[in-house]
N, C-alpha and C. Protein backbone atom coordinates (compact mmCIF):
# COMPACT_ATOMS: atom_id res chain seq x y z
N VAL A 1 8.42 23.19 6.92
CA VAL A 1 8.43 21.92 7.68
C VAL A 1 7.10 21.20 7.47
N ARG A 2 6.04 21.98 7.48
CA ARG A 2 4.71 21.37 7.30
C ARG A 2 4.64 20.69 5.94
N GLU A 3 5.17 21.39 4.93
CA GLU A 3 5.12 20.82 3.57
C GLU A 3 5.87 19.49 3.52
N LEU A 4 7.05 19.47 4.13
CA LEU A 4 7.83 18.23 4.13
C LEU A 4 7.04 17.12 4.82
N GLY A 5 6.42 17.44 5.94
CA GLY A 5 5.62 16.45 6.66
C GLY A 5 4.53 15.89 5.77
N LEU A 6 3.85 16.79 5.05
CA LEU A 6 2.76 16.35 4.17
C LEU A 6 3.32 15.45 3.08
N GLU A 7 4.48 15.85 2.54
CA GLU A 7 5.08 15.04 1.47
C GLU A 7 5.40 13.65 2.00
N ARG A 8 5.97 13.60 3.18
CA ARG A 8 6.30 12.30 3.78
C ARG A 8 5.03 11.48 3.94
N ARG A 9 3.99 12.13 4.41
CA ARG A 9 2.71 11.42 4.61
C ARG A 9 2.22 10.85 3.28
N GLU A 10 2.32 11.65 2.23
CA GLU A 10 1.85 11.20 0.90
C GLU A 10 2.66 9.98 0.45
N THR A 11 3.99 10.06 0.61
CA THR A 11 4.82 8.93 0.18
C THR A 11 4.46 7.67 0.97
N VAL A 12 4.35 7.81 2.27
CA VAL A 12 4.00 6.65 3.11
C VAL A 12 2.65 6.12 2.69
N ARG A 13 1.73 7.05 2.40
CA ARG A 13 0.38 6.64 2.00
C ARG A 13 0.44 5.83 0.71
N SER A 14 1.18 6.33 -0.28
CA SER A 14 1.28 5.64 -1.56
C SER A 14 1.98 4.29 -1.36
N LEU A 15 3.04 4.29 -0.56
CA LEU A 15 3.77 3.04 -0.32
C LEU A 15 2.84 2.01 0.33
N SER A 16 2.10 2.43 1.34
CA SER A 16 1.19 1.51 2.03
C SER A 16 0.13 1.02 1.04
N ALA A 17 -0.34 1.93 0.18
CA ALA A 17 -1.37 1.56 -0.80
C ALA A 17 -0.80 0.49 -1.73
N VAL A 18 0.44 0.68 -2.17
CA VAL A 18 1.07 -0.30 -3.06
C VAL A 18 1.23 -1.63 -2.33
N GLY A 19 1.63 -1.56 -1.06
CA GLY A 19 1.80 -2.78 -0.27
C GLY A 19 0.48 -3.53 -0.18
N VAL A 20 -0.61 -2.81 0.08
CA VAL A 20 -1.93 -3.43 0.17
C VAL A 20 -2.29 -4.06 -1.17
N GLY A 21 -1.97 -3.36 -2.25
CA GLY A 21 -2.27 -3.87 -3.60
C GLY A 21 -1.53 -5.18 -3.83
N ASP A 22 -0.25 -5.21 -3.45
CA ASP A 22 0.53 -6.44 -3.61
C ASP A 22 -0.10 -7.57 -2.81
N LEU A 23 -0.48 -7.28 -1.56
CA LEU A 23 -1.08 -8.31 -0.71
C LEU A 23 -2.36 -8.83 -1.37
N ARG A 24 -3.17 -7.90 -1.88
CA ARG A 24 -4.43 -8.32 -2.51
C ARG A 24 -4.14 -9.15 -3.76
N ARG A 25 -3.08 -8.80 -4.46
CA ARG A 25 -2.73 -9.55 -5.68
C ARG A 25 -2.31 -10.98 -5.31
N VAL A 26 -1.53 -11.09 -4.25
CA VAL A 26 -1.04 -12.42 -3.84
C VAL A 26 -2.14 -13.22 -3.13
N ALA A 27 -3.02 -12.52 -2.42
CA ALA A 27 -4.08 -13.19 -1.66
C ALA A 27 -4.88 -14.16 -2.54
N PRO A 28 -5.41 -13.72 -3.67
CA PRO A 28 -6.24 -14.58 -4.54
C PRO A 28 -5.52 -15.88 -4.90
N SER A 29 -4.25 -15.78 -5.31
CA SER A 29 -3.52 -16.98 -5.73
C SER A 29 -3.27 -17.90 -4.53
N THR A 30 -2.97 -17.29 -3.37
CA THR A 30 -2.69 -18.10 -2.18
C THR A 30 -3.98 -18.68 -1.61
N ARG A 31 -4.95 -17.80 -1.34
CA ARG A 31 -6.23 -18.26 -0.77
C ARG A 31 -7.03 -18.99 -1.85
N GLY A 32 -7.31 -18.29 -2.92
CA GLY A 32 -8.06 -18.89 -4.02
C GLY A 32 -9.32 -19.57 -3.54
N PRO A 33 -10.45 -19.32 -4.20
CA PRO A 33 -11.72 -19.96 -3.81
C PRO A 33 -11.66 -21.47 -4.03
N GLY A 34 -11.90 -22.24 -2.98
CA GLY A 34 -11.87 -23.68 -3.11
C GLY A 34 -10.43 -24.15 -3.07
């Protein structure tokens, strides 16, 4: 059970990381300096 929990945590972590990456990718084009 512990292993499954850790696996779930890893997947959520990677998913959140990808989500943040997407946001950062879109942020520059949307915000853009000036």
